[in-house]
C-alpha atoms as a PDB file:
ATOM      1  CA  MET A   1      -4.330 -40.833 -58.031  1.00  0.00           C
ATOM      2  CA  GLN A   2      -3.254 -38.439 -60.780  1.00  0.00           C
ATOM      3  CA  ARG A   3      -4.838 -35.005 -60.984  1.00  0.00           C
ATOM      4  CA  ASP A   4      -7.193 -34.271 -63.883  1.00  0.00           C
ATOM      5  CA  PRO A   5      -5.050 -32.222 -66.321  1.00  0.00           C
ATOM      6  CA  ARG A   6      -7.912 -29.768 -66.843  1.00  0.00           C
ATOM      7  CA  ALA A   7      -7.417 -28.704 -63.228  1.00  0.00           C
ATOM      8  CA  PHE A   8      -4.110 -27.114 -64.251  1.00  0.00           C
ATOM      9  CA  LEU A   9      -5.984 -24.948 -66.740  1.00  0.00           C
ATOM     10  CA  TRP A  10      -8.449 -24.001 -64.011  1.00  0.00           C
ATOM     11  CA  ASP A  11      -5.489 -22.958 -61.830  1.00  0.00           C
ATOM     12  CA  VAL A  12      -4.192 -20.788 -64.690  1.00  0.00           C
ATOM     13  CA  GLN A  13      -7.581 -19.177 -65.143  1.00  0.00           C
ATOM     14  CA  GLN A  14      -7.919 -18.475 -61.412  1.00  0.00           C
ATOM     15  CA  ALA A  15      -4.434 -16.971 -61.165  1.00  0.00           C
ATOM     16  CA  ALA A  16      -4.984 -14.785 -64.232  1.00  0.00           C
ATOM     17  CA  GLY A  17      -8.249 -13.598 -62.719  1.00  0.00           C
ATOM     18  CA  ALA A  18      -6.477 -12.769 -59.469  1.00  0.00           C
ATOM     19  CA  ILE A  19      -3.873 -10.713 -61.351  1.00  0.00           C
ATOM     20  CA  THR A  20      -6.643  -8.843 -63.111  1.00  0.00           C
ATOM     21  CA  GLN A  21      -8.339  -8.153 -59.767  1.00  0.00           C
ATOM     22  CA  PHE A  22      -5.106  -7.119 -58.040  1.00  0.00           C
ATOM     23  CA  THR A  23      -4.188  -4.631 -60.777  1.00  0.00           C
ATOM     24  CA  ALA A  24      -7.650  -3.185 -61.448  1.00  0.00           C
ATOM     25  CA  GLY A  25      -7.453   0.583 -61.578  1.00  0.00           C
ATOM     26  CA  LEU A  26      -3.652   0.697 -61.546  1.00  0.00           C
ATOM     27  CA  ASP A  27      -1.459   2.249 -64.170  1.00  0.00           C
ATOM     28  CA  ALA A  28       2.140   1.118 -64.657  1.00  0.00           C
ATOM     29  CA  ALA A  29       3.475   3.703 -62.187  1.00  0.00           C
ATOM     30  CA  GLY A  30       0.956   2.665 -59.538  1.00  0.00           C
ATOM     31  CA  TYR A  31       1.902  -0.974 -60.032  1.00  0.00           C
ATOM     32  CA  ARG A  32       5.632  -0.258 -59.721  1.00  0.00           C
ATOM     33  CA  ALA A  33       5.060   1.845 -56.587  1.00  0.00           C
ATOM     34  CA  ASN A  34       3.266  -0.916 -54.681  1.00  0.00           C
ATOM     35  CA  PRO A  35       5.533  -3.786 -53.562  1.00  0.00           C
ATOM     36  CA  LEU A  36       2.599  -5.687 -52.054  1.00  0.00           C
ATOM     37  CA  ILE A  37       0.746  -5.748 -55.391  1.00  0.00           C
ATOM     38  CA  ARG A  38       3.940  -6.616 -57.293  1.00  0.00           C
ATOM     39  CA  SER A  39       4.597  -9.536 -54.959  1.00  0.00           C
ATOM     40  CA  ALA A  40       1.042 -10.809 -55.240  1.00  0.00           C
ATOM     41  CA  VAL A  41       1.106 -10.549 -59.035  1.00  0.00           C
ATOM     42  CA  GLU A  42       4.468 -12.298 -59.270  1.00  0.00           C
ATOM     43  CA  ARG A  43       3.124 -15.144 -57.124  1.00  0.00           C
ATOM     44  CA  GLN A  44       0.184 -15.596 -59.472  1.00  0.00           C
ATOM     45  CA  PHE A  45       2.539 -15.642 -62.472  1.00  0.00           C
ATOM     46  CA  GLU A  46       4.539 -18.340 -60.669  1.00  0.00           C
ATOM     47  CA  ILE A  47       1.344 -20.373 -60.242  1.00  0.00           C
ATOM     48  CA  ILE A  48       0.453 -19.942 -63.920  1.00  0.00           C
ATOM     49  CA  GLY A  49       3.903 -21.047 -65.040  1.00  0.00           C
ATOM     50  CA  GLU A  50       4.049 -24.015 -62.697  1.00  0.00           C
ATOM     51  CA  ALA A  51       0.562 -25.193 -63.640  1.00  0.00           C
ATOM     52  CA  LEU A  52       1.442 -25.044 -67.338  1.00  0.00           C
ATOM     53  CA  ASN A  53       4.765 -26.768 -66.718  1.00  0.00           C
ATOM     54  CA  ARG A  54       2.995 -29.648 -64.978  1.00  0.00           C
ATOM     55  CA  LEU A  55       0.352 -29.734 -67.704  1.00  0.00           C
ATOM     56  CA  SER A  56       3.071 -30.101 -70.332  1.00  0.00           C
ATOM     57  CA  LYS A  57       4.429 -33.151 -68.506  1.00  0.00           C
ATOM     58  CA  GLU A  58       1.148 -34.826 -67.614  1.00  0.00           C
ATOM     59  CA  ALA A  59      -0.943 -34.016 -70.685  1.00  0.00           C
ATOM     60  CA  PRO A  60       1.325 -32.947 -73.561  1.00  0.00           C
ATOM     61  CA  ASP A  61      -1.538 -33.176 -76.087  1.00  0.00           C
ATOM     62  CA  LEU A  62      -3.550 -30.639 -74.118  1.00  0.00           C
ATOM     63  CA  ALA A  63      -0.498 -28.482 -73.379  1.00  0.00           C
ATOM     64  CA  ASP A  64       0.262 -28.234 -77.103  1.00  0.00           C
ATOM     65  CA  ARG A  65      -2.983 -26.291 -77.472  1.00  0.00           C
ATOM     66  CA  VAL A  66      -1.865 -23.531 -75.084  1.00  0.00           C
ATOM     67  CA  PRO A  67      -0.358 -20.624 -77.050  1.00  0.00           C
ATOM     68  CA  ASN A  68       3.128 -19.570 -75.927  1.00  0.00           C
ATOM     69  CA  LEU A  69       3.303 -22.206 -73.198  1.00  0.00           C
ATOM     70  CA  ARG A  70       7.123 -22.399 -73.283  1.00  0.00           C
ATOM     71  CA  LYS A  71       7.394 -18.613 -73.035  1.00  0.00           C
ATOM     72  CA  ILE A  72       5.045 -18.533 -70.052  1.00  0.00           C
ATOM     73  CA  VAL A  73       6.896 -21.342 -68.261  1.00  0.00           C
ATOM     74  CA  GLY A  74      10.167 -19.556 -69.049  1.00  0.00           C
ATOM     75  CA  PHE A  75       8.869 -16.401 -67.419  1.00  0.00           C
ATOM     76  CA  ARG A  76       7.965 -18.418 -64.327  1.00  0.00           C
ATOM     77  CA  ASN A  77      11.544 -19.684 -64.268  1.00  0.00           C
ATOM     78  CA  VAL A  78      12.874 -16.131 -64.445  1.00  0.00           C
ATOM     79  CA  LEU A  79      10.655 -15.154 -61.521  1.00  0.00           C
ATOM     80  CA  ILE A  80      11.802 -18.109 -59.441  1.00  0.00           C
ATOM     81  CA  HIS A  81      15.481 -18.290 -60.365  1.00  0.00           C
ATOM     82  CA  GLY A  82      16.318 -14.865 -61.772  1.00  0.00           C
ATOM     83  CA  TYR A  83      14.596 -12.628 -59.264  1.00  0.00           C
ATOM     84  CA  ALA A  84      17.453 -10.121 -59.360  1.00  0.00           C
ATOM     85  CA  VAL A  85      16.816  -9.309 -63.006  1.00  0.00           C
ATOM     86  CA  ILE A  86      13.037  -8.802 -62.900  1.00  0.00           C
ATOM     87  CA  ASP A  87      12.011  -5.625 -64.700  1.00  0.00           C
ATOM     88  CA  ASP A  88       8.578  -4.392 -63.666  1.00  0.00           C
ATOM     89  CA  GLY A  89       8.284  -2.661 -67.025  1.00  0.00           C
ATOM     90  CA  VAL A  90       8.617  -5.803 -69.174  1.00  0.00           C
ATOM     91  CA  GLY A  91       6.084  -5.927 -72.008  1.00  0.00           C
ATOM     92  CA  ASP A  92       3.531  -8.410 -73.376  1.00  0.00           C
ATOM     93  CA  CYS A  93       2.045 -10.870 -70.893  1.00  0.00           C
ATOM     94  CA  HIS A  94       4.804 -10.285 -68.418  1.00  0.00           C
ATOM     95  CA  ASP A  95       3.155  -6.911 -67.935  1.00  0.00           C
ATOM     96  CA  PRO A  96       0.473  -7.516 -65.305  1.00  0.00           C
ATOM     97  CA  LEU A  97      -1.596  -4.702 -66.751  1.00  0.00           C
ATOM     98  CA  ALA A  98      -1.825  -6.738 -69.981  1.00  0.00           C
ATOM     99  CA  VAL A  99      -3.259  -9.807 -68.249  1.00  0.00           C
ATOM    100  CA  PRO A 100      -6.876  -9.141 -69.252  1.00  0.00           C
ATOM    101  CA  ALA A 101      -5.774  -9.297 -72.909  1.00  0.00           C
ATOM    102  CA  CYS A 102      -3.490 -12.243 -72.189  1.00  0.00           C
ATOM    103  CA  ASN A 103      -6.251 -14.113 -70.434  1.00  0.00           C
ATOM    104  CA  ARG A 104      -8.698 -13.437 -73.240  1.00  0.00           C
ATOM    105  CA  ASP A 105      -6.386 -13.785 -76.234  1.00  0.00           C
ATOM    106  CA  GLY A 106      -4.148 -16.662 -75.215  1.00  0.00           C
ATOM    107  CA  PHE A 107      -1.177 -14.797 -73.795  1.00  0.00           C
ATOM    108  CA  THR A 108      -0.588 -12.245 -76.518  1.00  0.00           C
ATOM    109  CA  ASP A 109       0.539  -8.663 -76.102  1.00  0.00           C
ATOM    110  CA  ARG A 110      -1.812  -5.679 -76.236  1.00  0.00           C
ATOM    111  CA  THR A 111      -1.388  -5.395 -80.007  1.00  0.00           C
ATOM    112  CA  GLY A 112      -2.415  -9.007 -80.506  1.00  0.00           C
ATOM    113  CA  ALA A 113       1.062 -10.182 -81.498  1.00  0.00           C
ATOM    114  CA  ALA A 114       2.140 -13.520 -80.066  1.00  0.00           C
END
């Protein structure tokens, strides 16, 4: 039995909420200084990217409605395959401190730019 494609969006929402919870009260320096938080946040970004990747394959019509889906999946791929080049200071939605805005505004940066 195939999974309901909306469940992938629920997974994204849950992971974004977890990132928001994990980083509450942290500034960028506090985030960078805590390897446990960084690891937890990266795992949630992996979940977001994988869920959207599967959504794009199983329900392309629904996936087309997700802003910046390719960029988000690409970031997941960097986390998984390019771990040696991860920069904890990367901007827009790759910045875990921007996740509340990303979650609310469809994965845009803090200025609202896509």
